[in-house]
Amino acid sequence: MLSTLLAFLGACALIAASPGPSTMLIIRQSLRSRRAGFLTVLGNETGVFVWGVAAALGLTALLAASQVAYDVLRIAGAVVLVVFGVKALLDARRGHGVEEDGQEEPVARSGGAAYRSGLLLNLANPKAAVFAMSFLPQFVPAGVPPLPAMIALAAVWAVFEVGYYGMYVWFVGRLRAVLSRAGVRRRLEQVSGGVLLLLGVRMAVEG
């Protein structure tokens, strides 16, 4: 049991270390404030847990089996990514997010919006659903009921990533004196927005 858990945590670390839309969104929100960054992490990991539970109940198998359902969710996810990317680019152009003195603007104080952005980005990604369905069953110990085991693994996965991505938020906060400079922050917003936009376009056109 312990060896299975350690292997599972190692796999979780590899997954979290792979850059993706969630990573870019977390970094972008962390540029605004630690609170916004951490709440984005919590929203994203809520989505991870939801997909894990859905996989345990067999619901994601329906998504994988239906091309129409998968494509609908894929297009929705692409739209979400494009919207987030365009918003980041517009904010960079307008200078929103962090002021010259490093103080948060009112928009950065909206914890609910940060949480929802992380949750929405994760739930709108069909790859996350299908991946959870294929990933979690591999670590269910023999002789253990699959449903409670997969739900427990989904919870461990989400908690692990809260800690992992929390380090991103902490690291960005530590560099706040540098990142709060208008030119640096604007360039980082441009990079994160551009990456989110490209990921959205790629998701929209892929088969």
N, C-alpha and C. Protein backbone atom coordinates (compact mmCIF):
# COMPACT_ATOMS: atom_id res chain seq x y z
N MET A 1 0.83 -1.21 0.00
CA MET A 1 0.00 0.00 0.00
C MET A 1 0.86 1.26 0.00
N LEU A 2 1.92 1.25 0.85
CA LEU A 2 2.81 2.42 0.93
C LEU A 2 3.55 2.63 -0.38
N SER A 3 4.02 1.53 -0.97
CA SER A 3 4.75 1.65 -2.24
C SER A 3 3.84 2.18 -3.35
N THR A 4 2.58 1.76 -3.33
CA THR A 4 1.62 2.26 -4.32
C THR A 4 1.39 3.75 -4.14
N LEU A 5 1.26 4.17 -2.89
CA LEU A 5 1.04 5.59 -2.62
C LEU A 5 2.24 6.42 -3.05
N LEU A 6 3.44 5.94 -2.77
CA LEU A 6 4.64 6.67 -3.16
C LEU A 6 4.75 6.77 -4.68
N ALA A 7 4.42 5.67 -5.36
CA ALA A 7 4.44 5.70 -6.82
C ALA A 7 3.40 6.68 -7.35
N PHE A 8 2.24 6.71 -6.71
CA PHE A 8 1.18 7.63 -7.12
C PHE A 8 1.62 9.08 -6.93
N LEU A 9 2.24 9.39 -5.80
CA LEU A 9 2.71 10.75 -5.55
C LEU A 9 3.80 11.15 -6.54
N GLY A 10 4.66 10.18 -6.89
CA GLY A 10 5.68 10.47 -7.89
C GLY A 10 5.07 10.80 -9.23
N ALA A 11 4.03 10.06 -9.60
CA ALA A 11 3.33 10.33 -10.85
C ALA A 11 2.63 11.69 -10.81
N CYS A 12 2.05 12.02 -9.65
CA CYS A 12 1.41 13.33 -9.49
C CYS A 12 2.41 14.46 -9.67
N ALA A 13 3.63 14.26 -9.14
CA ALA A 13 4.68 15.27 -9.27
C ALA A 13 5.05 15.48 -10.74
N LEU A 14 5.16 14.40 -11.48
CA LEU A 14 5.50 14.50 -12.90
C LEU A 14 4.40 15.22 -13.68
N ILE A 15 3.15 14.92 -13.34
CA ILE A 15 2.02 15.57 -14.01
C ILE A 15 2.02 17.06 -13.72
N ALA A 16 2.20 17.42 -12.44
CA ALA A 16 2.17 18.83 -12.06
C ALA A 16 3.32 19.60 -12.69
N ALA A 17 4.46 18.92 -12.86
CA ALA A 17 5.64 19.59 -13.42
C ALA A 17 5.52 19.85 -14.91
N SER A 18 4.57 19.18 -15.57
CA SER A 18 4.37 19.40 -17.00
C SER A 18 3.60 20.71 -17.20
N PRO A 19 4.19 21.68 -17.90
CA PRO A 19 3.50 22.97 -18.06
C PRO A 19 2.24 22.83 -18.89
N GLY A 20 1.23 23.59 -18.55
CA GLY A 20 -0.03 23.54 -19.26
C GLY A 20 -0.84 24.80 -18.99
N PRO A 21 -2.09 24.84 -19.43
CA PRO A 21 -2.92 26.03 -19.24
C PRO A 21 -3.08 26.41 -17.78
N SER A 22 -3.27 25.42 -16.91
CA SER A 22 -3.46 25.72 -15.49
C SER A 22 -2.23 26.40 -14.90
N THR A 23 -1.05 25.93 -15.28
CA THR A 23 0.18 26.52 -14.79
C THR A 23 0.27 27.98 -15.20
N MET A 24 -0.02 28.27 -16.45
CA MET A 24 0.05 29.65 -16.94
C MET A 24 -0.96 30.54 -16.23
N LEU A 25 -2.17 30.02 -16.01
CA LEU A 25 -3.19 30.83 -15.35
C LEU A 25 -2.80 31.10 -13.90
N ILE A 26 -2.25 30.10 -13.22
CA ILE A 26 -1.84 30.28 -11.82
C ILE A 26 -0.73 31.32 -11.72
N ILE A 27 0.23 31.27 -12.63
CA ILE A 27 1.32 32.25 -12.62
C ILE A 27 0.77 33.64 -12.89
N ARG A 28 -0.14 33.73 -13.86
CA ARG A 28 -0.72 35.04 -14.19
C ARG A 28 -1.47 35.63 -13.01
N GLN A 29 -2.29 34.81 -12.35
CA GLN A 29 -3.04 35.32 -11.21
C GLN A 29 -2.11 35.65 -10.04
N SER A 30 -1.03 34.90 -9.91
CA SER A 30 -0.08 35.17 -8.83
C SER A 30 0.64 36.49 -9.04
N LEU A 31 0.75 36.93 -10.30
CA LEU A 31 1.33 38.24 -10.58
C LEU A 31 0.48 39.35 -9.99
N ARG A 32 -0.81 39.08 -9.84
CA ARG A 32 -1.71 40.08 -9.28
C ARG A 32 -1.61 40.12 -7.76
N SER A 33 -1.67 38.95 -7.15
CA SER A 33 -1.52 38.86 -5.69
C SER A 33 -1.39 37.39 -5.30
N ARG A 34 -0.82 37.15 -4.13
CA ARG A 34 -0.73 35.78 -3.64
C ARG A 34 -2.12 35.20 -3.39
N ARG A 35 -3.01 36.03 -2.92
CA ARG A 35 -4.38 35.56 -2.64
C ARG A 35 -5.04 35.10 -3.92
N ALA A 36 -4.93 35.89 -4.97
CA ALA A 36 -5.53 35.50 -6.24
C ALA A 36 -4.90 34.23 -6.78
N GLY A 37 -3.58 34.13 -6.66
CA GLY A 37 -2.89 32.93 -7.13
C GLY A 37 -3.31 31.69 -6.38
N PHE A 38 -3.38 31.79 -5.05
CA PHE A 38 -3.72 30.61 -4.26
C PHE A 38 -5.17 30.20 -4.48
N LEU A 39 -6.07 31.15 -4.62
CA LEU A 39 -7.47 30.81 -4.86
C LEU A 39 -7.65 30.20 -6.25
N THR A 40 -6.83 30.62 -7.21
CA THR A 40 -6.85 29.99 -8.52
C THR A 40 -6.42 28.53 -8.41
N VAL A 41 -5.39 28.29 -7.59
CA VAL A 41 -4.94 26.92 -7.33
C VAL A 41 -6.08 26.09 -6.74
N LEU A 42 -6.77 26.64 -5.75
CA LEU A 42 -7.88 25.91 -5.12
C LEU A 42 -8.99 25.60 -6.12
N GLY A 43 -9.28 26.56 -7.00
CA GLY A 43 -10.29 26.32 -8.02
C GLY A 43 -9.86 25.22 -8.98
N ASN A 44 -8.60 25.26 -9.40
CA ASN A 44 -8.09 24.25 -10.31
C ASN A 44 -8.15 22.86 -9.68
N GLU A 45 -7.77 22.76 -8.41
CA GLU A 45 -7.75 21.46 -7.76
C GLU A 45 -9.14 20.96 -7.40
N THR A 46 -10.09 21.87 -7.26
CA THR A 46 -11.48 21.44 -7.15
C THR A 46 -11.90 20.72 -8.42
N GLY A 47 -11.47 21.29 -9.56
CA GLY A 47 -11.75 20.64 -10.83
C GLY A 47 -11.09 19.28 -10.95
N VAL A 48 -9.85 19.17 -10.48
CA VAL A 48 -9.15 17.88 -10.49
C VAL A 48 -9.93 16.85 -9.69
N PHE A 49 -10.42 17.25 -8.52
CA PHE A 49 -11.16 16.32 -7.68
C PHE A 49 -12.50 15.94 -8.32
N VAL A 50 -13.16 16.92 -8.93
CA VAL A 50 -14.44 16.64 -9.60
C VAL A 50 -14.24 15.62 -10.72
N TRP A 51 -13.21 15.80 -11.54
CA TRP A 51 -12.96 14.84 -12.62
C TRP A 51 -12.56 13.48 -12.07
N GLY A 52 -11.85 13.49 -10.93
CA GLY A 52 -11.49 12.21 -10.31
C GLY A 52 -12.72 11.44 -9.84
N VAL A 53 -13.64 12.15 -9.21
CA VAL A 53 -14.88 11.51 -8.76
C VAL A 53 -15.70 11.04 -9.97
N ALA A 54 -15.74 11.88 -11.02
CA ALA A 54 -16.47 11.49 -12.22
C ALA A 54 -15.87 10.24 -12.85
N ALA A 55 -14.54 10.14 -12.82
CA ALA A 55 -13.88 8.94 -13.35
C ALA A 55 -14.21 7.72 -12.50
N ALA A 56 -14.25 7.91 -11.18
CA ALA A 56 -14.59 6.80 -10.28
C ALA A 56 -16.01 6.30 -10.52
N LEU A 57 -16.90 7.21 -10.88
CA LEU A 57 -18.30 6.84 -11.14
C LEU A 57 -18.52 6.36 -12.58
N GLY A 58 -17.46 6.42 -13.39
CA GLY A 58 -17.58 5.97 -14.77
C GLY A 58 -18.13 7.01 -15.73
N LEU A 59 -18.31 8.24 -15.26
CA LEU A 59 -18.92 9.27 -16.11
C LEU A 59 -17.98 9.73 -17.21
N THR A 60 -16.68 9.77 -16.92
CA THR A 60 -15.75 10.23 -17.95
C THR A 60 -15.62 9.21 -19.08
N ALA A 61 -15.97 7.94 -18.80
CA ALA A 61 -15.97 6.94 -19.87
C ALA A 61 -17.00 7.30 -20.94
N LEU A 62 -18.12 7.88 -20.51
CA LEU A 62 -19.13 8.31 -21.47
C LEU A 62 -18.60 9.42 -22.35
N LEU A 63 -17.83 10.34 -21.75
CA LEU A 63 -17.24 11.43 -22.51
C LEU A 63 -16.24 10.91 -23.53
N ALA A 64 -15.42 9.93 -23.11
CA ALA A 64 -14.43 9.36 -24.01
C ALA A 64 -15.08 8.59 -25.14
N ALA A 65 -16.25 8.00 -24.88
CA ALA A 65 -16.92 7.17 -25.88
C ALA A 65 -17.73 7.99 -26.87
N SER A 66 -18.08 9.22 -26.51
CA SER A 66 -18.92 10.05 -27.37
C SER A 66 -18.07 11.14 -28.00
N GLN A 67 -17.85 11.05 -29.30
CA GLN A 67 -17.06 12.05 -30.00
C GLN A 67 -17.74 13.41 -29.97
N VAL A 68 -19.07 13.40 -30.07
CA VAL A 68 -19.81 14.67 -30.06
C VAL A 68 -19.64 15.37 -28.72
N ALA A 69 -19.83 14.62 -27.62
CA ALA A 69 -19.70 15.21 -26.29
C ALA A 69 -18.28 15.72 -26.06
N TYR A 70 -17.30 14.94 -26.51
CA TYR A 70 -15.90 15.35 -26.35
C TYR A 70 -15.62 16.63 -27.13
N ASP A 71 -16.11 16.70 -28.37
CA ASP A 71 -15.86 17.87 -29.20
C ASP A 71 -16.54 19.11 -28.63
N VAL A 72 -17.74 18.94 -28.09
CA VAL A 72 -18.43 20.08 -27.48
C VAL A 72 -17.62 20.64 -26.32
N LEU A 73 -17.15 19.75 -25.45
CA LEU A 73 -16.35 20.19 -24.32
C LEU A 73 -15.01 20.76 -24.78
N ARG A 74 -14.44 20.17 -25.84
CA ARG A 74 -13.17 20.66 -26.37
C ARG A 74 -13.31 22.09 -26.90
N ILE A 75 -14.36 22.36 -27.65
CA ILE A 75 -14.58 23.71 -28.18
C ILE A 75 -14.84 24.69 -27.04
N ALA A 76 -15.63 24.25 -26.05
CA ALA A 76 -15.88 25.12 -24.89
C ALA A 76 -14.58 25.45 -24.17
N GLY A 77 -13.73 24.43 -24.00
CA GLY A 77 -12.43 24.66 -23.37
C GLY A 77 -11.56 25.60 -24.17
N ALA A 78 -11.58 25.46 -25.49
CA ALA A 78 -10.80 26.34 -26.36
C ALA A 78 -11.27 27.79 -26.22
N VAL A 79 -12.59 27.98 -26.16
CA VAL A 79 -13.13 29.33 -25.99
C VAL A 79 -12.68 29.94 -24.66
N VAL A 80 -12.71 29.13 -23.60
CA VAL A 80 -12.27 29.61 -22.29
C VAL A 80 -10.81 30.04 -22.34
N LEU A 81 -9.96 29.23 -22.95
CA LEU A 81 -8.54 29.56 -23.04
C LEU A 81 -8.32 30.84 -23.86
N VAL A 82 -9.02 30.95 -24.97
CA VAL A 82 -8.87 32.14 -25.81
C VAL A 82 -9.32 33.39 -25.06
N VAL A 83 -10.44 33.29 -24.34
CA VAL A 83 -10.93 34.43 -23.57
C VAL A 83 -9.92 34.84 -22.50
N PHE A 84 -9.39 33.86 -21.77
CA PHE A 84 -8.39 34.18 -20.75
C PHE A 84 -7.14 34.79 -21.38
N GLY A 85 -6.73 34.25 -22.53
CA GLY A 85 -5.55 34.77 -23.19
C GLY A 85 -5.73 36.19 -23.68
N VAL A 86 -6.86 36.46 -24.32
CA VAL A 86 -7.14 37.82 -24.81
C VAL A 86 -7.24 38.79 -23.65
N LYS A 87 -7.88 38.37 -22.55
CA LYS A 87 -8.00 39.24 -21.39
C LYS A 87 -6.62 39.59 -20.82
N ALA A 88 -5.73 38.60 -20.77
CA ALA A 88 -4.38 38.86 -20.27
C ALA A 88 -3.65 39.87 -21.16
N LEU A 89 -3.80 39.72 -22.47
CA LEU A 89 -3.13 40.63 -23.39
C LEU A 89 -3.71 42.04 -23.27
N LEU A 90 -5.02 42.13 -23.11
CA LEU A 90 -5.64 43.45 -22.94
C LEU A 90 -5.22 44.10 -21.62
N ASP A 91 -5.17 43.29 -20.55
CA ASP A 91 -4.74 43.82 -19.26
C ASP A 91 -3.30 44.31 -19.33
N ALA A 92 -2.45 43.57 -20.06
CA ALA A 92 -1.06 43.99 -20.21
C ALA A 92 -0.98 45.33 -20.94
N ARG A 93 -1.82 45.49 -21.94
CA ARG A 93 -1.80 46.73 -22.72
C ARG A 93 -2.31 47.91 -21.90
N ARG A 94 -3.32 47.63 -21.07
CA ARG A 94 -3.92 48.71 -20.27
C ARG A 94 -3.18 48.96 -18.97
N GLY A 95 -2.30 48.02 -18.59
CA GLY A 95 -1.56 48.18 -17.34
C GLY A 95 -2.33 47.77 -16.12
N HIS A 96 -3.32 46.85 -16.26
CA HIS A 96 -4.09 46.39 -15.12
C HIS A 96 -3.32 45.32 -14.35
N GLY A 97 -3.72 45.09 -13.11
CA GLY A 97 -3.18 43.97 -12.32
C GLY A 97 -2.37 44.41 -11.14
N VAL A 98 -1.20 45.01 -11.39
CA VAL A 98 -0.35 45.46 -10.30
C VAL A 98 0.14 46.84 -10.63
N GLU A 99 -0.01 47.75 -9.71
CA GLU A 99 0.38 49.11 -9.94
C GLU A 99 1.89 49.26 -9.76
N GLU A 100 2.39 50.42 -10.13
CA GLU A 100 3.82 50.67 -10.08
C GLU A 100 4.40 50.49 -8.69
N ASP A 101 3.64 50.81 -7.65
CA ASP A 101 4.16 50.69 -6.28
C ASP A 101 3.97 49.31 -5.72
N GLY A 102 3.45 48.36 -6.53
CA GLY A 102 3.31 46.98 -6.07
C GLY A 102 2.02 46.71 -5.35
N GLN A 103 1.15 47.71 -5.24
CA GLN A 103 -0.12 47.50 -4.56
C GLN A 103 -1.12 46.87 -5.51
N GLU A 104 -2.01 46.03 -4.95
CA GLU A 104 -3.01 45.38 -5.78
C GLU A 104 -4.08 46.36 -6.19
N GLU A 105 -4.56 46.22 -7.41
CA GLU A 105 -5.72 46.95 -7.84
C GLU A 105 -6.96 46.24 -7.33
N PRO A 106 -8.11 46.92 -7.27
CA PRO A 106 -9.32 46.28 -6.76
C PRO A 106 -9.68 44.99 -7.46
N VAL A 107 -9.43 44.89 -8.78
CA VAL A 107 -9.81 43.68 -9.49
C VAL A 107 -9.07 42.46 -8.96
N ALA A 108 -7.85 42.67 -8.44
CA ALA A 108 -7.07 41.55 -7.95
C ALA A 108 -7.60 41.03 -6.62
N ARG A 109 -8.47 41.79 -5.98
CA ARG A 109 -8.98 41.38 -4.68
C ARG A 109 -10.22 40.49 -4.80
N SER A 110 -10.66 40.23 -6.02
CA SER A 110 -11.85 39.41 -6.20
C SER A 110 -11.47 37.94 -6.11
N GLY A 111 -11.54 37.41 -4.88
CA GLY A 111 -11.17 36.02 -4.67
C GLY A 111 -12.09 35.06 -5.39
N GLY A 112 -13.37 35.37 -5.42
CA GLY A 112 -14.33 34.51 -6.09
C GLY A 112 -14.02 34.36 -7.58
N ALA A 113 -13.64 35.46 -8.22
CA ALA A 113 -13.31 35.41 -9.65
C ALA A 113 -12.07 34.56 -9.89
N ALA A 114 -11.07 34.67 -9.01
CA ALA A 114 -9.85 33.87 -9.15
C ALA A 114 -10.15 32.39 -8.99
N TYR A 115 -10.97 32.06 -7.99
CA TYR A 115 -11.34 30.66 -7.77
C TYR A 115 -12.10 30.10 -8.96
N ARG A 116 -13.05 30.87 -9.46
CA ARG A 116 -13.87 30.41 -10.59
C ARG A 116 -13.03 30.24 -11.85
N SER A 117 -12.04 31.10 -12.03
CA SER A 117 -11.21 30.99 -13.23
C SER A 117 -10.44 29.67 -13.22
N GLY A 118 -9.88 29.30 -12.06
CA GLY A 118 -9.17 28.03 -11.96
C GLY A 118 -10.09 26.84 -12.15
N LEU A 119 -11.27 26.91 -11.55
CA LEU A 119 -12.24 25.82 -11.67
C LEU A 119 -12.73 25.67 -13.10
N LEU A 120 -13.08 26.79 -13.73
CA LEU A 120 -13.62 26.76 -15.08
C LEU A 120 -12.59 26.23 -16.06
N LEU A 121 -11.34 26.67 -15.93
CA LEU A 121 -10.31 26.23 -16.86
C LEU A 121 -10.12 24.72 -16.79
N ASN A 122 -10.18 24.16 -15.59
CA ASN A 122 -9.98 22.72 -15.44
C ASN A 122 -11.19 21.94 -15.94
N LEU A 123 -12.39 22.36 -15.57
CA LEU A 123 -13.59 21.62 -15.95
C LEU A 123 -13.87 21.71 -17.45
N ALA A 124 -13.34 22.74 -18.12
CA ALA A 124 -13.58 22.89 -19.55
C ALA A 124 -12.55 22.15 -20.39
N ASN A 125 -11.71 21.36 -19.74
CA ASN A 125 -10.65 20.64 -20.46
C ASN A 125 -11.01 19.16 -20.55
N PRO A 126 -11.45 18.68 -21.72
CA PRO A 126 -11.82 17.26 -21.83
C PRO A 126 -10.65 16.31 -21.63
N LYS A 127 -9.44 16.80 -21.91
CA LYS A 127 -8.27 15.95 -21.71
C LYS A 127 -8.09 15.61 -20.24
N ALA A 128 -8.43 16.56 -19.36
CA ALA A 128 -8.33 16.31 -17.92
C ALA A 128 -9.28 15.20 -17.51
N ALA A 129 -10.47 15.19 -18.11
CA ALA A 129 -11.46 14.16 -17.78
C ALA A 129 -10.99 12.78 -18.23
N VAL A 130 -10.55 12.70 -19.48
CA VAL A 130 -10.12 11.41 -20.03
C VAL A 130 -8.86 10.93 -19.32
N PHE A 131 -7.98 11.86 -18.99
CA PHE A 131 -6.74 11.46 -18.31
C PHE A 131 -7.04 10.89 -16.93
N ALA A 132 -7.95 11.51 -16.19
CA ALA A 132 -8.31 11.00 -14.87
C ALA A 132 -8.85 9.58 -14.96
N MET A 133 -9.60 9.30 -16.01
CA MET A 133 -10.19 7.98 -16.20
C MET A 133 -9.10 6.92 -16.42
N SER A 134 -8.03 7.29 -17.12
CA SER A 134 -6.96 6.33 -17.40
C SER A 134 -5.89 6.30 -16.33
N PHE A 135 -5.75 7.40 -15.59
CA PHE A 135 -4.67 7.53 -14.61
C PHE A 135 -4.99 6.86 -13.28
N LEU A 136 -6.12 7.19 -12.71
CA LEU A 136 -6.43 6.75 -11.34
C LEU A 136 -6.55 5.23 -11.19
N PRO A 137 -7.21 4.51 -12.11
CA PRO A 137 -7.35 3.06 -11.91
C PRO A 137 -6.02 2.30 -11.80
N GLN A 138 -4.95 2.87 -12.37
CA GLN A 138 -3.67 2.18 -12.33
C GLN A 138 -3.12 2.04 -10.91
N PHE A 139 -3.61 2.87 -10.00
CA PHE A 139 -3.06 2.89 -8.65
C PHE A 139 -4.04 2.36 -7.60
N VAL A 140 -5.10 1.73 -8.04
CA VAL A 140 -6.03 1.10 -7.10
C VAL A 140 -5.43 -0.23 -6.66
N PRO A 141 -5.15 -0.40 -5.37
CA PRO A 141 -4.55 -1.67 -4.90
C PRO A 141 -5.48 -2.85 -5.15
N ALA A 142 -4.89 -4.00 -5.37
CA ALA A 142 -5.67 -5.22 -5.60
C ALA A 142 -6.50 -5.54 -4.36
N GLY A 143 -7.75 -5.92 -4.59
CA GLY A 143 -8.63 -6.29 -3.50
C GLY A 143 -9.33 -5.13 -2.83
N VAL A 144 -9.05 -3.89 -3.27
CA VAL A 144 -9.69 -2.71 -2.68
C VAL A 144 -10.83 -2.28 -3.60
N PRO A 145 -12.01 -1.96 -3.05
CA PRO A 145 -13.13 -1.49 -3.87
C PRO A 145 -12.72 -0.28 -4.71
N PRO A 146 -12.91 -0.32 -6.01
CA PRO A 146 -12.42 0.76 -6.89
C PRO A 146 -13.01 2.13 -6.60
N LEU A 147 -14.32 2.20 -6.33
CA LEU A 147 -14.97 3.51 -6.16
C LEU A 147 -14.36 4.32 -5.01
N PRO A 148 -14.36 3.81 -3.77
CA PRO A 148 -13.76 4.62 -2.70
C PRO A 148 -12.26 4.83 -2.88
N ALA A 149 -11.58 3.85 -3.47
CA ALA A 149 -10.13 4.00 -3.68
C ALA A 149 -9.84 5.12 -4.66
N MET A 150 -10.59 5.19 -5.75
CA MET A 150 -10.35 6.24 -6.75
C MET A 150 -10.72 7.61 -6.24
N ILE A 151 -11.79 7.69 -5.43
CA ILE A 151 -12.15 8.98 -4.84
C ILE A 151 -11.07 9.44 -3.87
N ALA A 152 -10.53 8.50 -3.08
CA ALA A 152 -9.45 8.84 -2.16
C ALA A 152 -8.21 9.28 -2.91
N LEU A 153 -7.89 8.59 -4.00
CA LEU A 153 -6.72 8.97 -4.80
C LEU A 153 -6.93 10.35 -5.43
N ALA A 154 -8.15 10.63 -5.87
CA ALA A 154 -8.43 11.95 -6.44
C ALA A 154 -8.22 13.04 -5.40
N ALA A 155 -8.62 12.77 -4.15
CA ALA A 155 -8.42 13.74 -3.09
C ALA A 155 -6.94 13.96 -2.81
N VAL A 156 -6.18 12.86 -2.77
CA VAL A 156 -4.73 12.96 -2.55
C VAL A 156 -4.08 13.74 -3.69
N TRP A 157 -4.50 13.45 -4.91
CA TRP A 157 -3.98 14.15 -6.09
C TRP A 157 -4.22 15.65 -5.98
N ALA A 158 -5.44 16.03 -5.63
CA ALA A 158 -5.78 17.45 -5.52
C ALA A 158 -4.99 18.13 -4.41
N VAL A 159 -4.89 17.49 -3.25
CA VAL A 159 -4.16 18.08 -2.12
C VAL A 159 -2.68 18.22 -2.46
N PHE A 160 -2.12 17.20 -3.11
CA PHE A 160 -0.72 17.27 -3.51
C PHE A 160 -0.47 18.46 -4.42
N GLU A 161 -1.35 18.66 -5.39
CA GLU A 161 -1.15 19.76 -6.33
C GLU A 161 -1.39 21.12 -5.69
N VAL A 162 -2.23 21.18 -4.66
CA VAL A 162 -2.37 22.44 -3.92
C VAL A 162 -1.01 22.84 -3.35
N GLY A 163 -0.32 21.87 -2.75
CA GLY A 163 1.00 22.16 -2.21
C GLY A 163 2.01 22.49 -3.29
N TYR A 164 1.96 21.74 -4.40
CA TYR A 164 2.92 21.94 -5.48
C TYR A 164 2.75 23.32 -6.12
N TYR A 165 1.52 23.62 -6.54
CA TYR A 165 1.28 24.91 -7.18
C TYR A 165 1.35 26.06 -6.18
N GLY A 166 1.14 25.74 -4.90
CA GLY A 166 1.32 26.76 -3.88
C GLY A 166 2.74 27.30 -3.87
N MET A 167 3.71 26.44 -4.24
CA MET A 167 5.10 26.89 -4.32
C MET A 167 5.28 27.90 -5.45
N TYR A 168 4.53 27.73 -6.53
CA TYR A 168 4.58 28.72 -7.61
C TYR A 168 4.11 30.08 -7.09
N VAL A 169 2.99 30.04 -6.37
CA VAL A 169 2.43 31.28 -5.83
C VAL A 169 3.43 31.93 -4.87
N TRP A 170 4.04 31.12 -4.01
CA TRP A 170 5.03 31.64 -3.06
C TRP A 170 6.23 32.22 -3.79
N PHE A 171 6.70 31.54 -4.83
CA PHE A 171 7.88 31.99 -5.56
C PHE A 171 7.61 33.32 -6.25
N VAL A 172 6.46 33.45 -6.90
CA VAL A 172 6.12 34.71 -7.54
C VAL A 172 6.01 35.82 -6.50
N GLY A 173 5.46 35.51 -5.32
CA GLY A 173 5.37 36.49 -4.26
C GLY A 173 6.73 36.95 -3.76
N ARG A 174 7.69 36.02 -3.70
CA ARG A 174 9.04 36.36 -3.25
C ARG A 174 9.73 37.30 -4.24
N LEU A 175 9.37 37.19 -5.51
CA LEU A 175 9.98 38.04 -6.53
C LEU A 175 9.14 39.28 -6.82
N ARG A 176 8.22 39.57 -5.91
CA ARG A 176 7.26 40.65 -6.15
C ARG A 176 7.94 42.00 -6.39
N ALA A 177 9.06 42.24 -5.70
CA ALA A 177 9.74 43.52 -5.86
C ALA A 177 10.19 43.73 -7.31
N VAL A 178 10.56 42.63 -7.96
CA VAL A 178 10.98 42.71 -9.37
C VAL A 178 9.78 42.66 -10.30
N LEU A 179 8.88 41.71 -10.00
CA LEU A 179 7.75 41.49 -10.91
C LEU A 179 6.73 42.62 -10.87
N SER A 180 6.75 43.44 -9.80
CA SER A 180 5.78 44.52 -9.70
C SER A 180 6.17 45.72 -10.56
N ARG A 181 7.38 45.70 -11.10
CA ARG A 181 7.76 46.77 -12.02
C ARG A 181 6.89 46.70 -13.26
N ALA A 182 6.40 47.85 -13.67
CA ALA A 182 5.40 47.87 -14.73
C ALA A 182 5.86 47.17 -16.00
N GLY A 183 7.09 47.41 -16.42
CA GLY A 183 7.57 46.80 -17.65
C GLY A 183 7.68 45.30 -17.56
N VAL A 184 8.20 44.81 -16.44
CA VAL A 184 8.35 43.37 -16.25
C VAL A 184 6.99 42.70 -16.17
N ARG A 185 6.09 43.29 -15.37
CA ARG A 185 4.76 42.70 -15.22
C ARG A 185 4.02 42.67 -16.54
N ARG A 186 4.16 43.75 -17.30
CA ARG A 186 3.45 43.81 -18.59
C ARG A 186 3.97 42.73 -19.54
N ARG A 187 5.28 42.53 -19.56
CA ARG A 187 5.84 41.51 -20.43
C ARG A 187 5.39 40.10 -20.02
N LEU A 188 5.35 39.84 -18.70
CA LEU A 188 4.90 38.54 -18.22
C LEU A 188 3.42 38.31 -18.54
N GLU A 189 2.63 39.37 -18.43
CA GLU A 189 1.22 39.26 -18.80
C GLU A 189 1.09 38.94 -20.29
N GLN A 190 1.93 39.57 -21.10
CA GLN A 190 1.90 39.32 -22.53
C GLN A 190 2.27 37.87 -22.85
N VAL A 191 3.30 37.37 -22.17
CA VAL A 191 3.74 35.99 -22.41
C VAL A 191 2.66 35.01 -21.99
N SER A 192 2.12 35.19 -20.77
CA SER A 192 1.09 34.26 -20.30
C SER A 192 -0.16 34.34 -21.15
N GLY A 193 -0.55 35.55 -21.55
CA GLY A 193 -1.72 35.70 -22.41
C GLY A 193 -1.51 35.06 -23.77
N GLY A 194 -0.32 35.24 -24.33
CA GLY A 194 -0.02 34.65 -25.62
C GLY A 194 -0.04 33.13 -25.58
N VAL A 195 0.52 32.56 -24.50
CA VAL A 195 0.54 31.10 -24.36
C VAL A 195 -0.88 30.56 -24.21
N LEU A 196 -1.70 31.20 -23.37
CA LEU A 196 -3.09 30.75 -23.21
C LEU A 196 -3.86 30.84 -24.52
N LEU A 197 -3.62 31.91 -25.26
CA LEU A 197 -4.30 32.09 -26.55
C LEU A 197 -3.89 30.99 -27.53
N LEU A 198 -2.61 30.70 -27.62
CA LEU A 198 -2.13 29.66 -28.53
C LEU A 198 -2.65 28.28 -28.13
N LEU A 199 -2.68 28.02 -26.81
CA LEU A 199 -3.20 26.73 -26.35
C LEU A 199 -4.68 26.59 -26.70
N GLY A 200 -5.41 27.69 -26.60
CA GLY A 200 -6.82 27.66 -26.96
C GLY A 200 -7.03 27.39 -28.45
N VAL A 201 -6.22 28.02 -29.28
CA VAL A 201 -6.33 27.79 -30.72
C VAL A 201 -5.97 26.35 -31.05
N ARG A 202 -4.91 25.84 -30.40
CA ARG A 202 -4.51 24.45 -30.66
C ARG A 202 -5.61 23.47 -30.25
N MET A 203 -6.24 23.73 -29.10
CA MET A 203 -7.31 22.85 -28.65
C MET A 203 -8.49 22.90 -29.63
N ALA A 204 -8.74 24.07 -30.20
CA ALA A 204 -9.89 24.22 -31.11
C ALA A 204 -9.67 23.48 -32.43
N VAL A 205 -8.44 23.44 -32.92
CA VAL A 205 -8.20 22.88 -34.26
C VAL A 205 -7.78 21.42 -34.21
N GLU A 206 -7.40 20.91 -33.03
CA GLU A 206 -6.93 19.52 -32.99
C GLU A 206 -8.09 18.56 -33.17
N GLY A 207 -7.80 17.38 -33.68
CA GLY A 207 -8.85 16.38 -33.88
C GLY A 207 -9.11 15.60 -32.63
